[in-house]
């Protein structure tokens, strides 16, 4: 049996702003005409991130302002990492080498690859990595 993740829901205070933000950083197209209950961002042929307006949500992590946050990791190629990282820097977004060091403005090199963490507008931790 082959199992593939089809979509996941990401809680947001402003689903359209959050979808726009992540699509911009990842270099994806966000189709505002497709917004209904969700603001979907198509990551690839099989995965959609569905942003949904929520006032409260639950998780294992607690953010700086006491809000609970989620962690989403995206494995990308070295070239894609360069492009996405350049967009992070151009937007002036703080980033870090670890999920508990989100503002050290450093990249990790675990496993011979590269990785970086940053927050989306709702405080969720987004991760870009090139090696598992």
N, C-alpha and C. Protein backbone atom coordinates (compact mmCIF):
# COMPACT_ATOMS: atom_id res chain seq x y z
N UNK A 1 0.84 -1.18 0.00
CA UNK A 1 0.00 0.00 0.00
C UNK A 1 0.89 1.24 0.00
N UNK A 2 0.56 2.20 -0.83
CA UNK A 2 1.25 3.48 -0.84
C UNK A 2 0.35 4.52 -0.18
N UNK A 3 0.91 5.19 0.80
CA UNK A 3 0.17 6.25 1.50
C UNK A 3 0.84 7.57 1.17
N UNK A 4 0.04 8.52 0.79
CA UNK A 4 0.60 9.84 0.53
C UNK A 4 -0.23 10.89 1.26
N UNK A 5 0.46 11.87 1.81
CA UNK A 5 -0.22 12.96 2.49
C UNK A 5 -0.85 13.85 1.43
N UNK A 6 -2.16 14.05 1.52
CA UNK A 6 -2.91 14.81 0.53
C UNK A 6 -3.01 16.29 0.91
N UNK A 7 -3.31 16.57 2.17
CA UNK A 7 -3.40 17.94 2.64
C UNK A 7 -3.28 17.97 4.14
N UNK A 8 -2.98 19.12 4.66
CA UNK A 8 -3.02 19.34 6.09
C UNK A 8 -3.56 20.75 6.31
N UNK A 9 -4.23 20.93 7.43
CA UNK A 9 -4.83 22.22 7.75
C UNK A 9 -3.89 22.98 8.68
N UNK A 10 -3.63 24.23 8.32
CA UNK A 10 -2.78 25.10 9.13
C UNK A 10 -3.65 26.21 9.70
N UNK A 11 -3.80 26.26 11.01
CA UNK A 11 -4.62 27.32 11.61
C UNK A 11 -3.94 28.68 11.47
N UNK A 12 -4.74 29.69 11.20
CA UNK A 12 -4.20 31.04 10.99
C UNK A 12 -5.18 32.08 11.48
N UNK A 13 -4.66 33.20 11.93
CA UNK A 13 -5.53 34.33 12.29
C UNK A 13 -6.08 34.99 11.03
N UNK A 14 -5.28 34.98 9.96
CA UNK A 14 -5.70 35.53 8.66
C UNK A 14 -5.22 34.55 7.60
N UNK A 15 -6.11 33.66 7.18
CA UNK A 15 -5.72 32.56 6.29
C UNK A 15 -5.13 33.05 4.98
N UNK A 16 -5.64 34.14 4.43
CA UNK A 16 -5.13 34.63 3.15
C UNK A 16 -3.73 35.21 3.31
N UNK A 17 -3.49 35.99 4.34
CA UNK A 17 -2.16 36.56 4.58
C UNK A 17 -1.14 35.45 4.83
N UNK A 18 -1.53 34.45 5.60
CA UNK A 18 -0.61 33.35 5.89
C UNK A 18 -0.31 32.52 4.65
N UNK A 19 -1.33 32.26 3.84
CA UNK A 19 -1.12 31.51 2.59
C UNK A 19 -0.23 32.30 1.64
N UNK A 20 -0.48 33.60 1.52
CA UNK A 20 0.37 34.46 0.67
C UNK A 20 1.82 34.42 1.12
N UNK A 21 2.04 34.54 2.44
CA UNK A 21 3.38 34.56 3.01
C UNK A 21 4.14 33.29 2.63
N UNK A 22 3.56 32.13 2.93
CA UNK A 22 4.28 30.88 2.69
C UNK A 22 4.48 30.64 1.19
N UNK A 23 3.49 30.93 0.39
CA UNK A 23 3.63 30.76 -1.05
C UNK A 23 4.77 31.63 -1.58
N UNK A 24 4.88 32.85 -1.07
CA UNK A 24 5.95 33.74 -1.52
C UNK A 24 7.32 33.17 -1.17
N UNK A 25 7.51 32.74 0.08
CA UNK A 25 8.81 32.23 0.52
C UNK A 25 9.17 30.95 -0.25
N UNK A 26 8.19 30.05 -0.42
CA UNK A 26 8.47 28.78 -1.10
C UNK A 26 8.49 28.92 -2.62
N UNK A 27 8.10 30.08 -3.13
CA UNK A 27 8.10 30.28 -4.57
C UNK A 27 6.95 29.56 -5.26
N UNK A 28 5.81 29.46 -4.55
CA UNK A 28 4.63 28.79 -5.09
C UNK A 28 3.59 29.83 -5.50
N UNK A 29 2.64 29.40 -6.30
CA UNK A 29 1.55 30.28 -6.71
C UNK A 29 0.40 30.11 -5.73
N UNK A 30 -0.11 31.24 -5.26
CA UNK A 30 -1.29 31.22 -4.41
C UNK A 30 -2.44 31.79 -5.21
N UNK A 31 -3.45 30.98 -5.46
CA UNK A 31 -4.60 31.36 -6.26
C UNK A 31 -5.72 31.84 -5.34
N UNK A 32 -5.85 33.15 -5.17
CA UNK A 32 -6.88 33.68 -4.28
C UNK A 32 -8.28 33.34 -4.75
N UNK A 33 -8.45 33.06 -6.04
CA UNK A 33 -9.76 32.68 -6.55
C UNK A 33 -10.20 31.32 -6.00
N UNK A 34 -9.26 30.52 -5.52
CA UNK A 34 -9.57 29.20 -4.97
C UNK A 34 -9.95 29.25 -3.49
N UNK A 35 -9.87 30.43 -2.88
CA UNK A 35 -10.17 30.55 -1.45
C UNK A 35 -11.67 30.37 -1.22
N UNK A 36 -11.96 29.50 -0.26
CA UNK A 36 -13.33 29.27 0.19
C UNK A 36 -13.22 29.14 1.70
N UNK A 37 -13.60 28.00 2.23
CA UNK A 37 -13.41 27.77 3.66
C UNK A 37 -11.91 27.78 3.98
N UNK A 38 -11.10 27.22 3.06
CA UNK A 38 -9.65 27.19 3.20
C UNK A 38 -9.01 28.15 2.21
N UNK A 39 -7.79 28.56 2.51
CA UNK A 39 -6.93 29.27 1.56
C UNK A 39 -5.84 28.26 1.20
N UNK A 40 -6.02 27.53 0.09
CA UNK A 40 -5.10 26.44 -0.23
C UNK A 40 -3.84 26.90 -0.96
N UNK A 41 -2.73 26.30 -0.58
CA UNK A 41 -1.46 26.49 -1.28
C UNK A 41 -1.03 25.12 -1.77
N UNK A 42 -0.98 24.95 -3.07
CA UNK A 42 -0.60 23.66 -3.66
C UNK A 42 0.92 23.57 -3.65
N UNK A 43 1.45 22.61 -2.87
CA UNK A 43 2.89 22.43 -2.73
C UNK A 43 3.44 21.61 -3.89
N UNK A 44 2.73 20.55 -4.25
CA UNK A 44 3.11 19.71 -5.39
C UNK A 44 1.85 18.99 -5.87
N UNK A 45 2.00 18.01 -6.73
CA UNK A 45 0.83 17.34 -7.31
C UNK A 45 -0.03 16.62 -6.28
N UNK A 46 0.56 16.27 -5.13
CA UNK A 46 -0.21 15.49 -4.16
C UNK A 46 -0.48 16.20 -2.83
N UNK A 47 0.14 17.34 -2.58
CA UNK A 47 0.01 17.97 -1.26
C UNK A 47 -0.47 19.41 -1.36
N UNK A 48 -1.50 19.71 -0.58
CA UNK A 48 -2.01 21.07 -0.44
C UNK A 48 -1.98 21.45 1.04
N UNK A 49 -1.51 22.66 1.31
CA UNK A 49 -1.58 23.21 2.66
C UNK A 49 -2.82 24.09 2.69
N UNK A 50 -3.75 23.74 3.54
CA UNK A 50 -5.03 24.44 3.62
C UNK A 50 -5.05 25.33 4.85
N UNK A 51 -4.89 26.63 4.64
CA UNK A 51 -4.92 27.58 5.74
C UNK A 51 -6.37 27.85 6.11
N UNK A 52 -6.67 27.83 7.41
CA UNK A 52 -8.03 28.03 7.90
C UNK A 52 -8.02 29.08 9.01
N UNK A 53 -8.97 29.99 8.97
CA UNK A 53 -9.08 31.00 10.02
C UNK A 53 -9.45 30.33 11.34
N UNK A 54 -8.65 30.60 12.36
CA UNK A 54 -8.88 30.07 13.70
C UNK A 54 -8.44 31.11 14.71
N UNK A 55 -9.16 31.20 15.81
CA UNK A 55 -8.74 32.07 16.90
C UNK A 55 -7.80 31.34 17.85
N UNK A 56 -8.04 30.04 18.02
CA UNK A 56 -7.24 29.23 18.94
C UNK A 56 -6.97 27.88 18.31
N UNK A 57 -5.85 27.28 18.66
CA UNK A 57 -5.52 25.93 18.21
C UNK A 57 -4.59 25.29 19.21
N UNK A 58 -4.38 23.99 19.09
CA UNK A 58 -3.55 23.28 20.06
C UNK A 58 -2.36 22.62 19.37
N UNK A 59 -1.29 22.42 20.13
CA UNK A 59 -0.06 21.84 19.63
C UNK A 59 0.82 21.45 20.81
N UNK A 60 1.96 20.83 20.50
CA UNK A 60 2.93 20.48 21.53
C UNK A 60 3.88 21.62 21.86
N UNK A 61 3.91 22.64 21.02
CA UNK A 61 4.84 23.75 21.20
C UNK A 61 4.08 25.01 21.61
N UNK A 62 4.70 25.84 22.42
CA UNK A 62 4.08 27.09 22.82
C UNK A 62 4.95 28.23 22.31
N UNK A 63 4.34 29.19 21.67
CA UNK A 63 5.06 30.32 21.08
C UNK A 63 5.42 31.37 22.11
N UNK A 64 6.13 32.37 21.63
CA UNK A 64 6.63 33.44 22.49
C UNK A 64 5.50 34.20 23.18
N UNK A 65 4.35 34.32 22.55
CA UNK A 65 3.24 35.08 23.11
C UNK A 65 2.23 34.16 23.80
N UNK A 66 2.65 32.92 24.12
CA UNK A 66 1.76 32.00 24.79
C UNK A 66 0.83 31.26 23.85
N UNK A 67 0.88 31.58 22.56
CA UNK A 67 0.04 30.88 21.58
C UNK A 67 0.71 29.57 21.24
N UNK A 68 -0.09 28.56 21.06
CA UNK A 68 0.46 27.28 20.65
C UNK A 68 0.78 27.32 19.17
N UNK A 69 1.88 26.67 18.80
CA UNK A 69 2.34 26.72 17.42
C UNK A 69 2.58 25.32 16.87
N UNK A 70 2.64 25.24 15.56
CA UNK A 70 2.92 23.98 14.86
C UNK A 70 4.25 24.12 14.14
N UNK A 71 4.79 22.97 13.73
CA UNK A 71 6.08 22.94 13.02
C UNK A 71 5.86 22.22 11.69
N UNK A 72 6.27 22.87 10.60
CA UNK A 72 6.15 22.30 9.26
C UNK A 72 7.52 22.32 8.60
N UNK A 73 7.98 21.17 8.12
CA UNK A 73 9.30 21.06 7.50
C UNK A 73 9.16 20.73 6.02
N UNK A 74 9.96 21.42 5.20
CA UNK A 74 9.92 21.23 3.75
C UNK A 74 11.30 20.83 3.26
N UNK A 75 11.39 19.62 2.72
CA UNK A 75 12.66 19.17 2.15
C UNK A 75 12.73 19.68 0.72
N UNK A 76 13.82 20.36 0.40
CA UNK A 76 13.99 20.99 -0.90
C UNK A 76 15.39 20.69 -1.44
N UNK A 77 15.59 20.95 -2.72
CA UNK A 77 16.91 20.76 -3.31
C UNK A 77 17.82 21.91 -2.87
N UNK A 78 19.11 21.75 -3.12
CA UNK A 78 20.06 22.82 -2.79
C UNK A 78 19.71 24.11 -3.54
N UNK A 79 19.37 23.99 -4.83
CA UNK A 79 19.02 25.18 -5.62
C UNK A 79 17.75 25.83 -5.08
N UNK A 80 16.75 25.03 -4.74
CA UNK A 80 15.51 25.58 -4.17
C UNK A 80 15.79 26.26 -2.84
N UNK A 81 16.65 25.65 -2.02
CA UNK A 81 17.02 26.25 -0.74
C UNK A 81 17.61 27.64 -0.97
N UNK A 82 18.54 27.74 -1.92
CA UNK A 82 19.16 29.04 -2.21
C UNK A 82 18.11 30.09 -2.57
N UNK A 83 17.15 29.71 -3.44
CA UNK A 83 16.11 30.65 -3.86
C UNK A 83 15.21 31.05 -2.69
N UNK A 84 14.79 30.07 -1.89
CA UNK A 84 13.90 30.35 -0.76
C UNK A 84 14.61 31.16 0.31
N UNK A 85 15.85 30.82 0.57
CA UNK A 85 16.63 31.55 1.57
C UNK A 85 16.83 33.00 1.14
N UNK A 86 17.07 33.21 -0.14
CA UNK A 86 17.22 34.57 -0.65
C UNK A 86 15.93 35.37 -0.44
N UNK A 87 14.77 34.72 -0.62
CA UNK A 87 13.50 35.41 -0.40
C UNK A 87 13.30 35.74 1.09
N UNK A 88 13.72 34.83 1.97
CA UNK A 88 13.66 35.11 3.42
C UNK A 88 14.47 36.35 3.76
N UNK A 89 15.71 36.37 3.27
CA UNK A 89 16.59 37.49 3.57
C UNK A 89 16.05 38.79 2.96
N UNK A 90 15.58 38.73 1.72
CA UNK A 90 15.06 39.93 1.06
C UNK A 90 13.85 40.50 1.80
N UNK A 91 13.06 39.62 2.42
CA UNK A 91 11.87 40.06 3.16
C UNK A 91 12.21 40.52 4.58
N UNK A 92 13.48 40.36 4.97
CA UNK A 92 13.90 40.77 6.30
C UNK A 92 13.35 39.89 7.41
N UNK A 93 13.11 38.63 7.10
CA UNK A 93 12.54 37.70 8.08
C UNK A 93 13.65 37.07 8.91
N UNK A 94 13.51 37.11 10.23
CA UNK A 94 14.48 36.47 11.12
C UNK A 94 14.45 34.97 10.91
N UNK A 95 15.60 34.33 11.01
CA UNK A 95 15.70 32.89 10.84
C UNK A 95 16.77 32.36 11.79
N UNK A 96 16.80 31.05 11.93
CA UNK A 96 17.79 30.45 12.81
C UNK A 96 18.14 29.04 12.42
N UNK A 97 19.17 28.53 13.06
CA UNK A 97 19.69 27.20 12.75
C UNK A 97 18.98 26.09 13.53
N UNK A 98 18.16 26.45 14.49
CA UNK A 98 17.46 25.47 15.32
C UNK A 98 16.07 26.00 15.64
N UNK A 99 15.11 25.11 15.95
CA UNK A 99 13.78 25.60 16.31
C UNK A 99 13.76 26.40 17.61
N UNK A 100 14.76 26.21 18.44
CA UNK A 100 14.84 26.98 19.68
C UNK A 100 15.84 28.13 19.56
N UNK A 101 16.32 28.40 18.34
CA UNK A 101 17.22 29.52 18.07
C UNK A 101 16.78 30.17 16.76
N UNK A 102 15.55 30.68 16.77
CA UNK A 102 14.92 31.18 15.54
C UNK A 102 15.43 32.54 15.08
N UNK A 103 16.29 33.16 15.87
CA UNK A 103 16.74 34.50 15.49
C UNK A 103 18.26 34.62 15.48
N UNK A 104 18.98 33.48 15.45
CA UNK A 104 20.44 33.57 15.47
C UNK A 104 21.03 33.86 14.09
N UNK A 105 20.16 33.96 13.07
CA UNK A 105 20.57 34.32 11.71
C UNK A 105 21.69 33.41 11.20
N UNK A 106 21.55 32.11 11.49
CA UNK A 106 22.54 31.11 11.07
C UNK A 106 21.82 29.95 10.40
N UNK A 107 22.55 29.20 9.60
CA UNK A 107 22.04 28.01 8.91
C UNK A 107 22.72 26.80 9.53
N UNK A 108 21.99 25.70 9.73
CA UNK A 108 22.64 24.49 10.22
C UNK A 108 23.13 23.66 9.02
N UNK A 109 24.03 22.74 9.31
CA UNK A 109 24.62 21.90 8.25
C UNK A 109 24.56 20.43 8.66
N UNK A 110 23.46 20.04 9.29
CA UNK A 110 23.30 18.65 9.74
C UNK A 110 23.29 17.69 8.55
N UNK A 111 23.96 16.57 8.71
CA UNK A 111 23.96 15.53 7.70
C UNK A 111 24.60 15.94 6.39
N UNK A 112 25.38 17.02 6.42
CA UNK A 112 26.02 17.48 5.20
C UNK A 112 25.13 18.36 4.33
N UNK A 113 23.93 18.66 4.82
CA UNK A 113 23.02 19.52 4.06
C UNK A 113 22.90 20.88 4.73
N UNK A 114 21.81 21.56 4.45
CA UNK A 114 21.55 22.85 5.08
C UNK A 114 20.13 22.88 5.59
N UNK A 115 19.92 23.63 6.66
CA UNK A 115 18.60 23.77 7.22
C UNK A 115 18.45 25.12 7.89
N UNK A 116 17.22 25.63 7.86
CA UNK A 116 16.93 26.91 8.49
C UNK A 116 15.48 26.90 8.97
N UNK A 117 15.24 27.61 10.06
CA UNK A 117 13.91 27.71 10.66
C UNK A 117 13.49 29.17 10.69
N UNK A 118 12.19 29.43 10.52
CA UNK A 118 11.65 30.77 10.61
C UNK A 118 10.18 30.67 11.00
N UNK A 119 9.61 31.77 11.44
CA UNK A 119 8.19 31.79 11.84
C UNK A 119 7.34 32.39 10.72
N UNK A 120 6.12 31.86 10.62
CA UNK A 120 5.15 32.46 9.70
C UNK A 120 4.41 33.54 10.49
N UNK A 121 3.46 34.25 9.87
CA UNK A 121 2.77 35.34 10.58
C UNK A 121 2.02 34.91 11.84
N UNK A 122 1.69 33.61 11.96
CA UNK A 122 0.98 33.13 13.14
C UNK A 122 1.90 32.51 14.18
N UNK A 123 3.20 32.56 13.93
CA UNK A 123 4.16 32.02 14.88
C UNK A 123 4.51 30.56 14.65
N UNK A 124 3.89 29.91 13.66
CA UNK A 124 4.24 28.53 13.36
C UNK A 124 5.70 28.48 12.90
N UNK A 125 6.39 27.41 13.25
CA UNK A 125 7.78 27.26 12.84
C UNK A 125 7.83 26.54 11.50
N UNK A 126 8.43 27.21 10.53
CA UNK A 126 8.62 26.64 9.20
C UNK A 126 10.09 26.27 9.08
N UNK A 127 10.35 25.14 8.46
CA UNK A 127 11.72 24.66 8.32
C UNK A 127 11.99 24.33 6.86
N UNK A 128 13.13 24.74 6.37
CA UNK A 128 13.63 24.34 5.07
C UNK A 128 14.85 23.48 5.31
N UNK A 129 14.91 22.28 4.69
CA UNK A 129 16.06 21.42 4.86
C UNK A 129 16.38 20.74 3.54
N UNK A 130 17.67 20.43 3.34
CA UNK A 130 18.08 19.79 2.11
C UNK A 130 18.41 18.31 2.28
N UNK A 131 18.62 17.88 3.53
CA UNK A 131 18.94 16.47 3.82
C UNK A 131 18.08 16.02 5.00
N UNK A 132 17.54 14.80 4.94
CA UNK A 132 16.75 14.25 6.05
C UNK A 132 17.57 14.19 7.31
